[in-house]
Each structure stands twice: as C-alpha cells, then as structure tokens.
C-alpha cells in the first residue's frame, strides 16, 4: 500500500523466493 513500483517489485522477488522455499502465504 505504501510502496513505490520499484519497492513492490523488490517485495515480489522476495515472495517468489519464499514460494520456492515452500512458504505458504
């Protein structure tokens, strides 16, 4: 909600890493 597009892209990279590690979100 408070993130720029660049910061959102960074966060989504983290989400993809967590997805690969088997984290449920």
PDBML (XML) file of the C-alpha atoms, coordinates in Angstrom:
<?xml version="1.0" encoding="UTF-8" ?>
<PDBx:datablock datablockName="MODEL"
   xmlns:PDBx="http://pdbml.pdb.org/schema/pdbx-v50.xsd"
   xmlns:xsi="http://www.w3.org/2001/XMLSchema-instance"
   xsi:schemaLocation="http://pdbml.pdb.org/schema/pdbx-v50.xsd pdbx-v50.xsd">
   <PDBx:atom_siteCategory>
      <PDBx:atom_site id="1">
         <PDBx:B_iso_or_equiv>0.00</PDBx:B_iso_or_equiv>
         <PDBx:Cartn_x>0.000</PDBx:Cartn_x>
         <PDBx:Cartn_y>0.000</PDBx:Cartn_y>
         <PDBx:Cartn_z>0.000</PDBx:Cartn_z>
         <PDBx:auth_asym_id>A</PDBx:auth_asym_id>
         <PDBx:auth_atom_id>CA</PDBx:auth_atom_id>
         <PDBx:auth_comp_id>UNK</PDBx:auth_comp_id>
         <PDBx:auth_seq_id>1</PDBx:auth_seq_id>
         <PDBx:group_PDB>ATOM</PDBx:group_PDB>
         <PDBx:label_alt_id xsi:nil="true" />
         <PDBx:label_asym_id>A</PDBx:label_asym_id>
         <PDBx:label_atom_id>CA</PDBx:label_atom_id>
         <PDBx:label_comp_id>UNK</PDBx:label_comp_id>
         <PDBx:label_entity_id>1</PDBx:label_entity_id>
         <PDBx:label_seq_id>1</PDBx:label_seq_id>
         <PDBx:occupancy>1.00</PDBx:occupancy>
         <PDBx:pdbx_PDB_model_num>1</PDBx:pdbx_PDB_model_num>
         <PDBx:type_symbol>C</PDBx:type_symbol>
      </PDBx:atom_site>
      <PDBx:atom_site id="2">
         <PDBx:B_iso_or_equiv>0.00</PDBx:B_iso_or_equiv>
         <PDBx:Cartn_x>2.818</PDBx:Cartn_x>
         <PDBx:Cartn_y>2.439</PDBx:Cartn_y>
         <PDBx:Cartn_z>0.800</PDBx:Cartn_z>
         <PDBx:auth_asym_id>A</PDBx:auth_asym_id>
         <PDBx:auth_atom_id>CA</PDBx:auth_atom_id>
         <PDBx:auth_comp_id>UNK</PDBx:auth_comp_id>
         <PDBx:auth_seq_id>2</PDBx:auth_seq_id>
         <PDBx:group_PDB>ATOM</PDBx:group_PDB>
         <PDBx:label_alt_id xsi:nil="true" />
         <PDBx:label_asym_id>A</PDBx:label_asym_id>
         <PDBx:label_atom_id>CA</PDBx:label_atom_id>
         <PDBx:label_comp_id>UNK</PDBx:label_comp_id>
         <PDBx:label_entity_id>1</PDBx:label_entity_id>
         <PDBx:label_seq_id>2</PDBx:label_seq_id>
         <PDBx:occupancy>1.00</PDBx:occupancy>
         <PDBx:pdbx_PDB_model_num>1</PDBx:pdbx_PDB_model_num>
         <PDBx:type_symbol>C</PDBx:type_symbol>
      </PDBx:atom_site>
      <PDBx:atom_site id="3">
         <PDBx:B_iso_or_equiv>0.00</PDBx:B_iso_or_equiv>
         <PDBx:Cartn_x>5.423</PDBx:Cartn_x>
         <PDBx:Cartn_y>1.112</PDBx:Cartn_y>
         <PDBx:Cartn_z>-1.615</PDBx:Cartn_z>
         <PDBx:auth_asym_id>A</PDBx:auth_asym_id>
         <PDBx:auth_atom_id>CA</PDBx:auth_atom_id>
         <PDBx:auth_comp_id>UNK</PDBx:auth_comp_id>
         <PDBx:auth_seq_id>3</PDBx:auth_seq_id>
         <PDBx:group_PDB>ATOM</PDBx:group_PDB>
         <PDBx:label_alt_id xsi:nil="true" />
         <PDBx:label_asym_id>A</PDBx:label_asym_id>
         <PDBx:label_atom_id>CA</PDBx:label_atom_id>
         <PDBx:label_comp_id>UNK</PDBx:label_comp_id>
         <PDBx:label_entity_id>1</PDBx:label_entity_id>
         <PDBx:label_seq_id>3</PDBx:label_seq_id>
         <PDBx:occupancy>1.00</PDBx:occupancy>
         <PDBx:pdbx_PDB_model_num>1</PDBx:pdbx_PDB_model_num>
         <PDBx:type_symbol>C</PDBx:type_symbol>
      </PDBx:atom_site>
      <PDBx:atom_site id="4">
         <PDBx:B_iso_or_equiv>0.00</PDBx:B_iso_or_equiv>
         <PDBx:Cartn_x>6.678</PDBx:Cartn_x>
         <PDBx:Cartn_y>2.500</PDBx:Cartn_y>
         <PDBx:Cartn_z>-4.915</PDBx:Cartn_z>
         <PDBx:auth_asym_id>A</PDBx:auth_asym_id>
         <PDBx:auth_atom_id>CA</PDBx:auth_atom_id>
         <PDBx:auth_comp_id>UNK</PDBx:auth_comp_id>
         <PDBx:auth_seq_id>4</PDBx:auth_seq_id>
         <PDBx:group_PDB>ATOM</PDBx:group_PDB>
         <PDBx:label_alt_id xsi:nil="true" />
         <PDBx:label_asym_id>A</PDBx:label_asym_id>
         <PDBx:label_atom_id>CA</PDBx:label_atom_id>
         <PDBx:label_comp_id>UNK</PDBx:label_comp_id>
         <PDBx:label_entity_id>1</PDBx:label_entity_id>
         <PDBx:label_seq_id>4</PDBx:label_seq_id>
         <PDBx:occupancy>1.00</PDBx:occupancy>
         <PDBx:pdbx_PDB_model_num>1</PDBx:pdbx_PDB_model_num>
         <PDBx:type_symbol>C</PDBx:type_symbol>
      </PDBx:atom_site>
      <PDBx:atom_site id="5">
         <PDBx:B_iso_or_equiv>0.00</PDBx:B_iso_or_equiv>
         <PDBx:Cartn_x>6.637</PDBx:Cartn_x>
         <PDBx:Cartn_y>0.306</PDBx:Cartn_y>
         <PDBx:Cartn_z>-8.007</PDBx:Cartn_z>
         <PDBx:auth_asym_id>A</PDBx:auth_asym_id>
         <PDBx:auth_atom_id>CA</PDBx:auth_atom_id>
         <PDBx:auth_comp_id>UNK</PDBx:auth_comp_id>
         <PDBx:auth_seq_id>5</PDBx:auth_seq_id>
         <PDBx:group_PDB>ATOM</PDBx:group_PDB>
         <PDBx:label_alt_id xsi:nil="true" />
         <PDBx:label_asym_id>A</PDBx:label_asym_id>
         <PDBx:label_atom_id>CA</PDBx:label_atom_id>
         <PDBx:label_comp_id>UNK</PDBx:label_comp_id>
         <PDBx:label_entity_id>1</PDBx:label_entity_id>
         <PDBx:label_seq_id>5</PDBx:label_seq_id>
         <PDBx:occupancy>1.00</PDBx:occupancy>
         <PDBx:pdbx_PDB_model_num>1</PDBx:pdbx_PDB_model_num>
         <PDBx:type_symbol>C</PDBx:type_symbol>
      </PDBx:atom_site>
      <PDBx:atom_site id="6">
         <PDBx:B_iso_or_equiv>0.00</PDBx:B_iso_or_equiv>
         <PDBx:Cartn_x>10.341</PDBx:Cartn_x>
         <PDBx:Cartn_y>-0.414</PDBx:Cartn_y>
         <PDBx:Cartn_z>-7.539</PDBx:Cartn_z>
         <PDBx:auth_asym_id>A</PDBx:auth_asym_id>
         <PDBx:auth_atom_id>CA</PDBx:auth_atom_id>
         <PDBx:auth_comp_id>UNK</PDBx:auth_comp_id>
         <PDBx:auth_seq_id>6</PDBx:auth_seq_id>
         <PDBx:group_PDB>ATOM</PDBx:group_PDB>
         <PDBx:label_alt_id xsi:nil="true" />
         <PDBx:label_asym_id>A</PDBx:label_asym_id>
         <PDBx:label_atom_id>CA</PDBx:label_atom_id>
         <PDBx:label_comp_id>UNK</PDBx:label_comp_id>
         <PDBx:label_entity_id>1</PDBx:label_entity_id>
         <PDBx:label_seq_id>6</PDBx:label_seq_id>
         <PDBx:occupancy>1.00</PDBx:occupancy>
         <PDBx:pdbx_PDB_model_num>1</PDBx:pdbx_PDB_model_num>
         <PDBx:type_symbol>C</PDBx:type_symbol>
      </PDBx:atom_site>
      <PDBx:atom_site id="7">
         <PDBx:B_iso_or_equiv>0.00</PDBx:B_iso_or_equiv>
         <PDBx:Cartn_x>9.854</PDBx:Cartn_x>
         <PDBx:Cartn_y>-1.383</PDBx:Cartn_y>
         <PDBx:Cartn_z>-3.892</PDBx:Cartn_z>
         <PDBx:auth_asym_id>A</PDBx:auth_asym_id>
         <PDBx:auth_atom_id>CA</PDBx:auth_atom_id>
         <PDBx:auth_comp_id>UNK</PDBx:auth_comp_id>
         <PDBx:auth_seq_id>7</PDBx:auth_seq_id>
         <PDBx:group_PDB>ATOM</PDBx:group_PDB>
         <PDBx:label_alt_id xsi:nil="true" />
         <PDBx:label_asym_id>A</PDBx:label_asym_id>
         <PDBx:label_atom_id>CA</PDBx:label_atom_id>
         <PDBx:label_comp_id>UNK</PDBx:label_comp_id>
         <PDBx:label_entity_id>1</PDBx:label_entity_id>
         <PDBx:label_seq_id>7</PDBx:label_seq_id>
         <PDBx:occupancy>1.00</PDBx:occupancy>
         <PDBx:pdbx_PDB_model_num>1</PDBx:pdbx_PDB_model_num>
         <PDBx:type_symbol>C</PDBx:type_symbol>
      </PDBx:atom_site>
      <PDBx:atom_site id="8">
         <PDBx:B_iso_or_equiv>0.00</PDBx:B_iso_or_equiv>
         <PDBx:Cartn_x>6.844</PDBx:Cartn_x>
         <PDBx:Cartn_y>-3.530</PDBx:Cartn_y>
         <PDBx:Cartn_z>-4.820</PDBx:Cartn_z>
         <PDBx:auth_asym_id>A</PDBx:auth_asym_id>
         <PDBx:auth_atom_id>CA</PDBx:auth_atom_id>
         <PDBx:auth_comp_id>UNK</PDBx:auth_comp_id>
         <PDBx:auth_seq_id>8</PDBx:auth_seq_id>
         <PDBx:group_PDB>ATOM</PDBx:group_PDB>
         <PDBx:label_alt_id xsi:nil="true" />
         <PDBx:label_asym_id>A</PDBx:label_asym_id>
         <PDBx:label_atom_id>CA</PDBx:label_atom_id>
         <PDBx:label_comp_id>UNK</PDBx:label_comp_id>
         <PDBx:label_entity_id>1</PDBx:label_entity_id>
         <PDBx:label_seq_id>8</PDBx:label_seq_id>
         <PDBx:occupancy>1.00</PDBx:occupancy>
         <PDBx:pdbx_PDB_model_num>1</PDBx:pdbx_PDB_model_num>
         <PDBx:type_symbol>C</PDBx:type_symbol>
      </PDBx:atom_site>
      <PDBx:atom_site id="9">
         <PDBx:B_iso_or_equiv>0.00</PDBx:B_iso_or_equiv>
         <PDBx:Cartn_x>8.954</PDBx:Cartn_x>
         <PDBx:Cartn_y>-5.322</PDBx:Cartn_y>
         <PDBx:Cartn_z>-7.434</PDBx:Cartn_z>
         <PDBx:auth_asym_id>A</PDBx:auth_asym_id>
         <PDBx:auth_atom_id>CA</PDBx:auth_atom_id>
         <PDBx:auth_comp_id>UNK</PDBx:auth_comp_id>
         <PDBx:auth_seq_id>9</PDBx:auth_seq_id>
         <PDBx:group_PDB>ATOM</PDBx:group_PDB>
         <PDBx:label_alt_id xsi:nil="true" />
         <PDBx:label_asym_id>A</PDBx:label_asym_id>
         <PDBx:label_atom_id>CA</PDBx:label_atom_id>
         <PDBx:label_comp_id>UNK</PDBx:label_comp_id>
         <PDBx:label_entity_id>1</PDBx:label_entity_id>
         <PDBx:label_seq_id>9</PDBx:label_seq_id>
         <PDBx:occupancy>1.00</PDBx:occupancy>
         <PDBx:pdbx_PDB_model_num>1</PDBx:pdbx_PDB_model_num>
         <PDBx:type_symbol>C</PDBx:type_symbol>
      </PDBx:atom_site>
      <PDBx:atom_site id="10">
         <PDBx:B_iso_or_equiv>0.00</PDBx:B_iso_or_equiv>
         <PDBx:Cartn_x>11.567</PDBx:Cartn_x>
         <PDBx:Cartn_y>-5.975</PDBx:Cartn_y>
         <PDBx:Cartn_z>-4.728</PDBx:Cartn_z>
         <PDBx:auth_asym_id>A</PDBx:auth_asym_id>
         <PDBx:auth_atom_id>CA</PDBx:auth_atom_id>
         <PDBx:auth_comp_id>UNK</PDBx:auth_comp_id>
         <PDBx:auth_seq_id>10</PDBx:auth_seq_id>
         <PDBx:group_PDB>ATOM</PDBx:group_PDB>
         <PDBx:label_alt_id xsi:nil="true" />
         <PDBx:label_asym_id>A</PDBx:label_asym_id>
         <PDBx:label_atom_id>CA</PDBx:label_atom_id>
         <PDBx:label_comp_id>UNK</PDBx:label_comp_id>
         <PDBx:label_entity_id>1</PDBx:label_entity_id>
         <PDBx:label_seq_id>10</PDBx:label_seq_id>
         <PDBx:occupancy>1.00</PDBx:occupancy>
         <PDBx:pdbx_PDB_model_num>1</PDBx:pdbx_PDB_model_num>
         <PDBx:type_symbol>C</PDBx:type_symbol>
      </PDBx:atom_site>
      <PDBx:atom_site id="11">
         <PDBx:B_iso_or_equiv>0.00</PDBx:B_iso_or_equiv>
         <PDBx:Cartn_x>8.924</PDBx:Cartn_x>
         <PDBx:Cartn_y>-7.379</PDBx:Cartn_y>
         <PDBx:Cartn_z>-2.409</PDBx:Cartn_z>
         <PDBx:auth_asym_id>A</PDBx:auth_asym_id>
         <PDBx:auth_atom_id>CA</PDBx:auth_atom_id>
         <PDBx:auth_comp_id>UNK</PDBx:auth_comp_id>
         <PDBx:auth_seq_id>11</PDBx:auth_seq_id>
         <PDBx:group_PDB>ATOM</PDBx:group_PDB>
         <PDBx:label_alt_id xsi:nil="true" />
         <PDBx:label_asym_id>A</PDBx:label_asym_id>
         <PDBx:label_atom_id>CA</PDBx:label_atom_id>
         <PDBx:label_comp_id>UNK</PDBx:label_comp_id>
         <PDBx:label_entity_id>1</PDBx:label_entity_id>
         <PDBx:label_seq_id>11</PDBx:label_seq_id>
         <PDBx:occupancy>1.00</PDBx:occupancy>
         <PDBx:pdbx_PDB_model_num>1</PDBx:pdbx_PDB_model_num>
         <PDBx:type_symbol>C</PDBx:type_symbol>
      </PDBx:atom_site>
      <PDBx:atom_site id="12">
         <PDBx:B_iso_or_equiv>0.00</PDBx:B_iso_or_equiv>
         <PDBx:Cartn_x>7.507</PDBx:Cartn_x>
         <PDBx:Cartn_y>-9.646</PDBx:Cartn_y>
         <PDBx:Cartn_z>-5.111</PDBx:Cartn_z>
         <PDBx:auth_asym_id>A</PDBx:auth_asym_id>
         <PDBx:auth_atom_id>CA</PDBx:auth_atom_id>
         <PDBx:auth_comp_id>UNK</PDBx:auth_comp_id>
         <PDBx:auth_seq_id>12</PDBx:auth_seq_id>
         <PDBx:group_PDB>ATOM</PDBx:group_PDB>
         <PDBx:label_alt_id xsi:nil="true" />
         <PDBx:label_asym_id>A</PDBx:label_asym_id>
         <PDBx:label_atom_id>CA</PDBx:label_atom_id>
         <PDBx:label_comp_id>UNK</PDBx:label_comp_id>
         <PDBx:label_entity_id>1</PDBx:label_entity_id>
         <PDBx:label_seq_id>12</PDBx:label_seq_id>
         <PDBx:occupancy>1.00</PDBx:occupancy>
         <PDBx:pdbx_PDB_model_num>1</PDBx:pdbx_PDB_model_num>
         <PDBx:type_symbol>C</PDBx:type_symbol>
      </PDBx:atom_site>
      <PDBx:atom_site id="13">
         <PDBx:B_iso_or_equiv>0.00</PDBx:B_iso_or_equiv>
         <PDBx:Cartn_x>11.009</PDBx:Cartn_x>
         <PDBx:Cartn_y>-11.025</PDBx:Cartn_y>
         <PDBx:Cartn_z>-5.727</PDBx:Cartn_z>
         <PDBx:auth_asym_id>A</PDBx:auth_asym_id>
         <PDBx:auth_atom_id>CA</PDBx:auth_atom_id>
         <PDBx:auth_comp_id>UNK</PDBx:auth_comp_id>
         <PDBx:auth_seq_id>13</PDBx:auth_seq_id>
         <PDBx:group_PDB>ATOM</PDBx:group_PDB>
         <PDBx:label_alt_id xsi:nil="true" />
         <PDBx:label_asym_id>A</PDBx:label_asym_id>
         <PDBx:label_atom_id>CA</PDBx:label_atom_id>
         <PDBx:label_comp_id>UNK</PDBx:label_comp_id>
         <PDBx:label_entity_id>1</PDBx:label_entity_id>
         <PDBx:label_seq_id>13</PDBx:label_seq_id>
         <PDBx:occupancy>1.00</PDBx:occupancy>
         <PDBx:pdbx_PDB_model_num>1</PDBx:pdbx_PDB_model_num>
         <PDBx:type_symbol>C</PDBx:type_symbol>
      </PDBx:atom_site>
      <PDBx:atom_site id="14">
         <PDBx:B_iso_or_equiv>0.00</PDBx:B_iso_or_equiv>
         <PDBx:Cartn_x>11.108</PDBx:Cartn_x>
         <PDBx:Cartn_y>-11.936</PDBx:Cartn_y>
         <PDBx:Cartn_z>-2.037</PDBx:Cartn_z>
         <PDBx:auth_asym_id>A</PDBx:auth_asym_id>
         <PDBx:auth_atom_id>CA</PDBx:auth_atom_id>
         <PDBx:auth_comp_id>UNK</PDBx:auth_comp_id>
         <PDBx:auth_seq_id>14</PDBx:auth_seq_id>
         <PDBx:group_PDB>ATOM</PDBx:group_PDB>
         <PDBx:label_alt_id xsi:nil="true" />
         <PDBx:label_asym_id>A</PDBx:label_asym_id>
         <PDBx:label_atom_id>CA</PDBx:label_atom_id>
         <PDBx:label_comp_id>UNK</PDBx:label_comp_id>
         <PDBx:label_entity_id>1</PDBx:label_entity_id>
         <PDBx:label_seq_id>14</PDBx:label_seq_id>
         <PDBx:occupancy>1.00</PDBx:occupancy>
         <PDBx:pdbx_PDB_model_num>1</PDBx:pdbx_PDB_model_num>
         <PDBx:type_symbol>C</PDBx:type_symbol>
      </PDBx:atom_site>
      <PDBx:atom_site id="15">
         <PDBx:B_iso_or_equiv>0.00</PDBx:B_iso_or_equiv>
         <PDBx:Cartn_x>7.666</PDBx:Cartn_x>
         <PDBx:Cartn_y>-13.543</PDBx:Cartn_y>
         <PDBx:Cartn_z>-2.342</PDBx:Cartn_z>
         <PDBx:auth_asym_id>A</PDBx:auth_asym_id>
         <PDBx:auth_atom_id>CA</PDBx:auth_atom_id>
         <PDBx:auth_comp_id>UNK</PDBx:auth_comp_id>
         <PDBx:auth_seq_id>15</PDBx:auth_seq_id>
         <PDBx:group_PDB>ATOM</PDBx:group_PDB>
         <PDBx:label_alt_id xsi:nil="true" />
         <PDBx:label_asym_id>A</PDBx:label_asym_id>
         <PDBx:label_atom_id>CA</PDBx:label_atom_id>
         <PDBx:label_comp_id>UNK</PDBx:label_comp_id>
         <PDBx:label_entity_id>1</PDBx:label_entity_id>
         <PDBx:label_seq_id>15</PDBx:label_seq_id>
         <PDBx:occupancy>1.00</PDBx:occupancy>
         <PDBx:pdbx_PDB_model_num>1</PDBx:pdbx_PDB_model_num>
         <PDBx:type_symbol>C</PDBx:type_symbol>
      </PDBx:atom_site>
      <PDBx:atom_site id="16">
         <PDBx:B_iso_or_equiv>0.00</PDBx:B_iso_or_equiv>
         <PDBx:Cartn_x>8.888</PDBx:Cartn_x>
         <PDBx:Cartn_y>-15.649</PDBx:Cartn_y>
         <PDBx:Cartn_z>-5.266</PDBx:Cartn_z>
         <PDBx:auth_asym_id>A</PDBx:auth_asym_id>
         <PDBx:auth_atom_id>CA</PDBx:auth_atom_id>
         <PDBx:auth_comp_id>UNK</PDBx:auth_comp_id>
         <PDBx:auth_seq_id>16</PDBx:auth_seq_id>
         <PDBx:group_PDB>ATOM</PDBx:group_PDB>
         <PDBx:label_alt_id xsi:nil="true" />
         <PDBx:label_asym_id>A</PDBx:label_asym_id>
         <PDBx:label_atom_id>CA</PDBx:label_atom_id>
         <PDBx:label_comp_id>UNK</PDBx:label_comp_id>
         <PDBx:label_entity_id>1</PDBx:label_entity_id>
         <PDBx:label_seq_id>16</PDBx:label_seq_id>
         <PDBx:occupancy>1.00</PDBx:occupancy>
         <PDBx:pdbx_PDB_model_num>1</PDBx:pdbx_PDB_model_num>
         <PDBx:type_symbol>C</PDBx:type_symbol>
      </PDBx:atom_site>
      <PDBx:atom_site id="17">
         <PDBx:B_iso_or_equiv>0.00</PDBx:B_iso_or_equiv>
         <PDBx:Cartn_x>11.905</PDBx:Cartn_x>
         <PDBx:Cartn_y>-16.759</PDBx:Cartn_y>
         <PDBx:Cartn_z>-3.226</PDBx:Cartn_z>
         <PDBx:auth_asym_id>A</PDBx:auth_asym_id>
         <PDBx:auth_atom_id>CA</PDBx:auth_atom_id>
         <PDBx:auth_comp_id>UNK</PDBx:auth_comp_id>
         <PDBx:auth_seq_id>17</PDBx:auth_seq_id>
         <PDBx:group_PDB>ATOM</PDBx:group_PDB>
         <PDBx:label_alt_id xsi:nil="true" />
         <PDBx:label_asym_id>A</PDBx:label_asym_id>
         <PDBx:label_atom_id>CA</PDBx:label_atom_id>
         <PDBx:label_comp_id>UNK</PDBx:label_comp_id>
         <PDBx:label_entity_id>1</PDBx:label_entity_id>
         <PDBx:label_seq_id>17</PDBx:label_seq_id>
         <PDBx:occupancy>1.00</PDBx:occupancy>
         <PDBx:pdbx_PDB_model_num>1</PDBx:pdbx_PDB_model_num>
         <PDBx:type_symbol>C</PDBx:type_symbol>
      </PDBx:atom_site>
      <PDBx:atom_site id="18">
         <PDBx:B_iso_or_equiv>0.00</PDBx:B_iso_or_equiv>
         <PDBx:Cartn_x>9.641</PDBx:Cartn_x>
         <PDBx:Cartn_y>-17.706</PDBx:Cartn_y>
         <PDBx:Cartn_z>-0.331</PDBx:Cartn_z>
         <PDBx:auth_asym_id>A</PDBx:auth_asym_id>
         <PDBx:auth_atom_id>CA</PDBx:auth_atom_id>
         <PDBx:auth_comp_id>UNK</PDBx:auth_comp_id>
         <PDBx:auth_seq_id>18</PDBx:auth_seq_id>
         <PDBx:group_PDB>ATOM</PDBx:group_PDB>
         <PDBx:label_alt_id xsi:nil="true" />
         <PDBx:label_asym_id>A</PDBx:label_asym_id>
         <PDBx:label_atom_id>CA</PDBx:label_atom_id>
         <PDBx:label_comp_id>UNK</PDBx:label_comp_id>
         <PDBx:label_entity_id>1</PDBx:label_entity_id>
         <PDBx:label_seq_id>18</PDBx:label_seq_id>
         <PDBx:occupancy>1.00</PDBx:occupancy>
         <PDBx:pdbx_PDB_model_num>1</PDBx:pdbx_PDB_model_num>
         <PDBx:type_symbol>C</PDBx:type_symbol>
      </PDBx:atom_site>
      <PDBx:atom_site id="19">
         <PDBx:B_iso_or_equiv>0.00</PDBx:B_iso_or_equiv>
         <PDBx:Cartn_x>7.341</PDBx:Cartn_x>
         <PDBx:Cartn_y>-19.550</PDBx:Cartn_y>
         <PDBx:Cartn_z>-2.734</PDBx:Cartn_z>
         <PDBx:auth_asym_id>A</PDBx:auth_asym_id>
         <PDBx:auth_atom_id>CA</PDBx:auth_atom_id>
         <PDBx:auth_comp_id>UNK</PDBx:auth_comp_id>
         <PDBx:auth_seq_id>19</PDBx:auth_seq_id>
         <PDBx:group_PDB>ATOM</PDBx:group_PDB>
         <PDBx:label_alt_id xsi:nil="true" />
         <PDBx:label_asym_id>A</PDBx:label_asym_id>
         <PDBx:label_atom_id>CA</PDBx:label_atom_id>
         <PDBx:label_comp_id>UNK</PDBx:label_comp_id>
         <PDBx:label_entity_id>1</PDBx:label_entity_id>
         <PDBx:label_seq_id>19</PDBx:label_seq_id>
         <PDBx:occupancy>1.00</PDBx:occupancy>
         <PDBx:pdbx_PDB_model_num>1</PDBx:pdbx_PDB_model_num>
         <PDBx:type_symbol>C</PDBx:type_symbol>
      </PDBx:atom_site>
      <PDBx:atom_site id="20">
         <PDBx:B_iso_or_equiv>0.00</PDBx:B_iso_or_equiv>
         <PDBx:Cartn_x>10.338</PDBx:Cartn_x>
         <PDBx:Cartn_y>-21.596</PDBx:Cartn_y>
         <PDBx:Cartn_z>-3.933</PDBx:Cartn_z>
         <PDBx:auth_asym_id>A</PDBx:auth_asym_id>
         <PDBx:auth_atom_id>CA</PDBx:auth_atom_id>
         <PDBx:auth_comp_id>UNK</PDBx:auth_comp_id>
         <PDBx:auth_seq_id>20</PDBx:auth_seq_id>
         <PDBx:group_PDB>ATOM</PDBx:group_PDB>
         <PDBx:label_alt_id xsi:nil="true" />
         <PDBx:label_asym_id>A</PDBx:label_asym_id>
         <PDBx:label_atom_id>CA</PDBx:label_atom_id>
         <PDBx:label_comp_id>UNK</PDBx:label_comp_id>
         <PDBx:label_entity_id>1</PDBx:label_entity_id>
         <PDBx:label_seq_id>20</PDBx:label_seq_id>
         <PDBx:occupancy>1.00</PDBx:occupancy>
         <PDBx:pdbx_PDB_model_num>1</PDBx:pdbx_PDB_model_num>
         <PDBx:type_symbol>C</PDBx:type_symbol>
      </PDBx:atom_site>
      <PDBx:atom_site id="21">
         <PDBx:B_iso_or_equiv>0.00</PDBx:B_iso_or_equiv>
         <PDBx:Cartn_x>11.262</PDBx:Cartn_x>
         <PDBx:Cartn_y>-22.312</PDBx:Cartn_y>
         <PDBx:Cartn_z>-0.308</PDBx:Cartn_z>
         <PDBx:auth_asym_id>A</PDBx:auth_asym_id>
         <PDBx:auth_atom_id>CA</PDBx:auth_atom_id>
         <PDBx:auth_comp_id>UNK</PDBx:auth_comp_id>
         <PDBx:auth_seq_id>21</PDBx:auth_seq_id>
         <PDBx:group_PDB>ATOM</PDBx:group_PDB>
         <PDBx:label_alt_id xsi:nil="true" />
         <PDBx:label_asym_id>A</PDBx:label_asym_id>
         <PDBx:label_atom_id>CA</PDBx:label_atom_id>
         <PDBx:label_comp_id>UNK</PDBx:label_comp_id>
         <PDBx:label_entity_id>1</PDBx:label_entity_id>
         <PDBx:label_seq_id>21</PDBx:label_seq_id>
         <PDBx:occupancy>1.00</PDBx:occupancy>
         <PDBx:pdbx_PDB_model_num>1</PDBx:pdbx_PDB_model_num>
         <PDBx:type_symbol>C</PDBx:type_symbol>
      </PDBx:atom_site>
      <PDBx:atom_site id="22">
         <PDBx:B_iso_or_equiv>0.00</PDBx:B_iso_or_equiv>
         <PDBx:Cartn_x>7.792</PDBx:Cartn_x>
         <PDBx:Cartn_y>-23.745</PDBx:Cartn_y>
         <PDBx:Cartn_z>0.350</PDBx:Cartn_z>
         <PDBx:auth_asym_id>A</PDBx:auth_asym_id>
         <PDBx:auth_atom_id>CA</PDBx:auth_atom_id>
         <PDBx:auth_comp_id>UNK</PDBx:auth_comp_id>
         <PDBx:auth_seq_id>22</PDBx:auth_seq_id>
         <PDBx:group_PDB>ATOM</PDBx:group_PDB>
         <PDBx:label_alt_id xsi:nil="true" />
         <PDBx:label_asym_id>A</PDBx:label_asym_id>
         <PDBx:label_atom_id>CA</PDBx:label_atom_id>
         <PDBx:label_comp_id>UNK</PDBx:label_comp_id>
         <PDBx:label_entity_id>1</PDBx:label_entity_id>
         <PDBx:label_seq_id>22</PDBx:label_seq_id>
         <PDBx:occupancy>1.00</PDBx:occupancy>
         <PDBx:pdbx_PDB_model_num>1</PDBx:pdbx_PDB_model_num>
         <PDBx:type_symbol>C</PDBx:type_symbol>
      </PDBx:atom_site>
      <PDBx:atom_site id="23">
         <PDBx:B_iso_or_equiv>0.00</PDBx:B_iso_or_equiv>
         <PDBx:Cartn_x>6.395</PDBx:Cartn_x>
         <PDBx:Cartn_y>-20.912</PDBx:Cartn_y>
         <PDBx:Cartn_z>2.480</PDBx:Cartn_z>
         <PDBx:auth_asym_id>A</PDBx:auth_asym_id>
         <PDBx:auth_atom_id>CA</PDBx:auth_atom_id>
         <PDBx:auth_comp_id>UNK</PDBx:auth_comp_id>
         <PDBx:auth_seq_id>23</PDBx:auth_seq_id>
         <PDBx:group_PDB>ATOM</PDBx:group_PDB>
         <PDBx:label_alt_id xsi:nil="true" />
         <PDBx:label_asym_id>A</PDBx:label_asym_id>
         <PDBx:label_atom_id>CA</PDBx:label_atom_id>
         <PDBx:label_comp_id>UNK</PDBx:label_comp_id>
         <PDBx:label_entity_id>1</PDBx:label_entity_id>
         <PDBx:label_seq_id>23</PDBx:label_seq_id>
         <PDBx:occupancy>1.00</PDBx:occupancy>
         <PDBx:pdbx_PDB_model_num>1</PDBx:pdbx_PDB_model_num>
         <PDBx:type_symbol>C</PDBx:type_symbol>
      </PDBx:atom_site>
      <PDBx:atom_site id="24">
         <PDBx:B_iso_or_equiv>0.00</PDBx:B_iso_or_equiv>
         <PDBx:Cartn_x>2.589</PDBx:Cartn_x>
         <PDBx:Cartn_y>-20.701</PDBx:Cartn_y>
         <PDBx:Cartn_z>2.470</PDBx:Cartn_z>
         <PDBx:auth_asym_id>A</PDBx:auth_asym_id>
         <PDBx:auth_atom_id>CA</PDBx:auth_atom_id>
         <PDBx:auth_comp_id>UNK</PDBx:auth_comp_id>
         <PDBx:auth_seq_id>24</PDBx:auth_seq_id>
         <PDBx:group_PDB>ATOM</PDBx:group_PDB>
         <PDBx:label_alt_id xsi:nil="true" />
         <PDBx:label_asym_id>A</PDBx:label_asym_id>
         <PDBx:label_atom_id>CA</PDBx:label_atom_id>
         <PDBx:label_comp_id>UNK</PDBx:label_comp_id>
         <PDBx:label_entity_id>1</PDBx:label_entity_id>
         <PDBx:label_seq_id>24</PDBx:label_seq_id>
         <PDBx:occupancy>1.00</PDBx:occupancy>
         <PDBx:pdbx_PDB_model_num>1</PDBx:pdbx_PDB_model_num>
         <PDBx:type_symbol>C</PDBx:type_symbol>
      </PDBx:atom_site>
      <PDBx:atom_site id="25">
         <PDBx:B_iso_or_equiv>0.00</PDBx:B_iso_or_equiv>
         <PDBx:Cartn_x>1.318</PDBx:Cartn_x>
         <PDBx:Cartn_y>-17.149</PDBx:Cartn_y>
         <PDBx:Cartn_z>2.036</PDBx:Cartn_z>
         <PDBx:auth_asym_id>A</PDBx:auth_asym_id>
         <PDBx:auth_atom_id>CA</PDBx:auth_atom_id>
         <PDBx:auth_comp_id>UNK</PDBx:auth_comp_id>
         <PDBx:auth_seq_id>25</PDBx:auth_seq_id>
         <PDBx:group_PDB>ATOM</PDBx:group_PDB>
         <PDBx:label_alt_id xsi:nil="true" />
         <PDBx:label_asym_id>A</PDBx:label_asym_id>
         <PDBx:label_atom_id>CA</PDBx:label_atom_id>
         <PDBx:label_comp_id>UNK</PDBx:label_comp_id>
         <PDBx:label_entity_id>1</PDBx:label_entity_id>
         <PDBx:label_seq_id>25</PDBx:label_seq_id>
         <PDBx:occupancy>1.00</PDBx:occupancy>
         <PDBx:pdbx_PDB_model_num>1</PDBx:pdbx_PDB_model_num>
         <PDBx:type_symbol>C</PDBx:type_symbol>
      </PDBx:atom_site>
   </PDBx:atom_siteCategory>
</PDBx:datablock>
